[in-house]
Every structure is written in structure tokens, then in C-alpha cells.
Amino acid sequence: VQLVESGGGFVRAGDSLRLSCLISGETTATSYVGWFHQYIGKEREFVATINRAGGVAYYGDSVKGRATISRDSTKNTVFLQMNSLKSEDTGVYYCAADLNNQGMAKRTSPSGYNVWGLGTQVTVSS
């Protein structure tokens, strides 16, 4: 399984952005696919995750009400729509896949995901 993120860029506070994560390889092997955010010098922070069918999603506290994760199986792509962007949303956004269905206890932790993309940079100016 390989993951490739896209959609990052430079935006202003209050703008919206949609990130994409293209999944290739054994796509049916992915259970949950999530997004994590990392700012320079800080740990990766959970943003959102979605199950294989696309019907179950969880969100981190920092984006609740501002983000929507979705999954299009026909395109093997997971999307992250982010609205009302803030300067603290600046950072690299990584897509990650859980190939082993490691369970709810790890659903919001980087340790719950086996495969990672290289990330896409988002810069929000205030």
C-alpha cells in the first residue's frame, strides 16, 4: 500500500482547503485511513480518521466542526475538507493507513497506523 497526499498550499485565515490522499496497491487491505498534522518541533497530532466503508469517522478536538473526512472508494481516495482555517493549522499533513485494524484504543494515535505518506504542507497566514 502506498499513500500520496496532495492539496496543500498557502492560504489565508478563514479560507478552506481540501486535502487528498490517493491510495494505491492493496487498497482493500486498508481498514481506517487517517490524517495527522505536525508542526515544526511538535509531535504528530490526530486530525481525523475514517473506516473502509466511509460510514464511520472520528475527529480531533482541534478540528471538530471545521473538518470533514470522506472516502471515495471508486477513486481510492480519502479527502479532508478543512474550513475556517487558523494559523495554528499550519504544518505538514500526513495521510496514514491501518492495515491491521488495530482497534479503537489506537485509532487516534500515530502508532495505530502502519503506512504513511510523505505529507503535504499547509501554510495559513493570519
Protein backbone atom coordinates (compact mmCIF):
# COMPACT_ATOMS: atom_id res chain seq x y z
CA VAL A 1 0.00 0.00 0.00
CA GLN A 2 1.25 3.47 -0.90
CA LEU A 3 -0.22 6.81 0.08
CA VAL A 4 0.27 10.10 -1.73
CA GLU A 5 -1.09 13.36 -0.31
CA SER A 6 -1.94 16.46 -2.31
CA GLY A 7 -3.89 19.66 -2.00
CA GLY A 8 -1.74 21.61 0.42
CA GLY A 9 -0.77 25.20 -0.16
CA PHE A 10 -0.67 28.74 1.12
CA VAL A 11 -4.00 30.16 2.28
CA ARG A 12 -5.32 32.95 4.47
CA ALA A 13 -7.01 32.54 7.82
CA GLY A 14 -10.69 31.81 7.31
CA ASP A 15 -10.15 30.08 3.97
CA SER A 16 -10.95 26.47 3.13
CA LEU A 17 -8.80 23.70 1.74
CA ARG A 18 -9.36 20.14 0.59
CA LEU A 19 -6.58 17.63 1.00
CA SER A 20 -6.50 14.35 -0.90
CA CYS A 21 -4.87 11.03 -0.11
CA LEU A 22 -4.53 8.67 -3.07
CA ILE A 23 -4.24 5.03 -2.03
CA SER A 24 -2.54 2.53 -4.35
CA GLY A 25 -1.56 -1.11 -4.06
CA GLU A 26 -3.65 -3.44 -1.91
CA THR A 27 -6.32 -0.86 -1.29
CA THR A 28 -8.72 -3.38 0.22
CA ALA A 29 -6.14 -4.04 2.94
CA THR A 30 -6.72 -0.63 4.48
CA SER A 31 -9.19 -0.50 7.35
CA TYR A 32 -9.04 3.01 8.75
CA VAL A 33 -7.29 5.84 6.91
CA GLY A 34 -6.45 8.90 8.92
CA TRP A 35 -4.93 12.35 8.75
CA PHE A 36 -2.36 13.73 11.15
CA HIS A 37 -0.95 17.23 11.48
CA GLN A 38 2.58 18.09 12.50
CA TYR A 39 4.03 21.50 13.20
CA ILE A 40 7.77 22.05 13.32
CA GLY A 41 9.19 20.73 16.56
CA LYS A 42 5.92 19.20 17.73
CA GLU A 43 4.51 15.69 17.73
CA ARG A 44 2.05 14.49 15.13
CA GLU A 45 -1.47 15.39 16.15
CA PHE A 46 -4.55 13.38 15.24
CA VAL A 47 -6.91 15.21 12.88
CA ALA A 48 -9.45 12.70 11.56
CA THR A 49 -9.91 9.10 10.51
CA ILE A 50 -12.46 7.13 8.53
CA ASN A 51 -13.25 3.45 8.15
CA ARG A 52 -13.09 1.42 4.93
CA ALA A 53 -16.77 1.78 4.11
CA GLY A 54 -16.68 5.50 4.78
CA GLY A 55 -19.53 5.42 7.24
CA VAL A 56 -17.63 5.90 10.50
CA ALA A 57 -15.38 8.88 11.19
CA TYR A 58 -13.67 10.41 14.20
CA TYR A 59 -12.20 13.88 14.62
CA GLY A 60 -9.61 15.52 16.79
CA ASP A 61 -10.71 18.27 19.16
CA SER A 62 -8.76 20.93 17.26
CA VAL A 63 -10.80 20.45 14.07
CA LYS A 64 -14.24 19.39 15.29
CA GLY A 65 -16.86 21.38 13.48
CA ARG A 66 -14.35 22.65 10.92
CA ALA A 67 -13.29 19.49 9.12
CA THR A 68 -14.96 16.69 7.20
CA ILE A 69 -13.24 13.47 6.19
CA SER A 70 -14.66 11.38 3.37
CA ARG A 71 -13.69 8.37 1.31
CA ASP A 72 -14.36 7.68 -2.35
CA SER A 73 -13.69 4.00 -2.99
CA THR A 74 -14.14 4.38 -6.74
CA LYS A 75 -11.19 6.76 -6.76
CA ASN A 76 -9.23 5.07 -3.96
CA THR A 77 -9.00 8.46 -2.33
CA VAL A 78 -9.63 9.88 1.12
CA PHE A 79 -10.41 13.57 1.36
CA LEU A 80 -10.05 16.03 4.21
CA GLN A 81 -12.09 19.19 3.82
CA MET A 82 -10.97 21.90 6.23
CA ASN A 83 -12.87 25.15 6.70
CA SER A 84 -12.29 28.30 8.74
CA LEU A 85 -8.56 27.67 8.71
CA LYS A 86 -6.47 29.17 11.51
CA SER A 87 -2.79 30.00 11.72
CA GLU A 88 -2.34 27.07 14.12
CA ASP A 89 -3.46 24.73 11.32
CA THR A 90 -0.14 25.43 9.62
CA GLY A 91 2.08 22.39 9.24
CA VAL A 92 2.53 19.18 7.34
CA TYR A 93 -0.50 16.95 6.92
CA TYR A 94 0.15 13.24 6.69
CA CYS A 95 -2.17 10.53 5.48
CA ALA A 96 -1.84 7.15 7.19
CA ALA A 97 -3.41 3.73 6.79
CA ASP A 98 -4.11 1.00 9.31
CA LEU A 99 -3.59 -2.35 7.61
CA ASN A 100 -4.18 -4.47 10.72
CA ASN A 101 -7.35 -2.96 12.19
CA GLN A 102 -5.52 -2.30 15.42
CA GLY A 103 -8.60 -1.28 17.33
CA MET A 104 -10.18 1.78 18.87
CA ALA A 105 -7.54 2.27 21.52
CA LYS A 106 -5.05 3.24 18.82
CA ARG A 107 -7.43 4.91 16.42
CA THR A 108 -6.28 8.45 17.27
CA SER A 109 -2.61 7.62 17.78
CA PRO A 110 0.15 7.53 15.15
CA SER A 111 1.06 4.08 16.48
CA GLY A 112 -2.25 2.79 15.18
CA TYR A 113 -1.19 3.21 11.56
CA ASN A 114 1.27 1.16 9.56
CA VAL A 115 1.75 3.06 6.32
CA TRP A 116 2.38 6.77 5.89
CA GLY A 117 2.55 9.20 3.03
CA LEU A 118 5.24 11.87 2.71
CA GLY A 119 2.88 14.67 3.66
CA THR A 120 1.62 17.90 2.16
CA GLN A 121 2.44 21.35 3.52
CA VAL A 122 -0.33 23.73 4.57
CA THR A 123 0.52 27.30 5.49
CA VAL A 124 -2.18 29.56 6.90
CA SER A 125 -1.34 33.23 7.14
CA SER A 126 -3.05 35.46 9.62
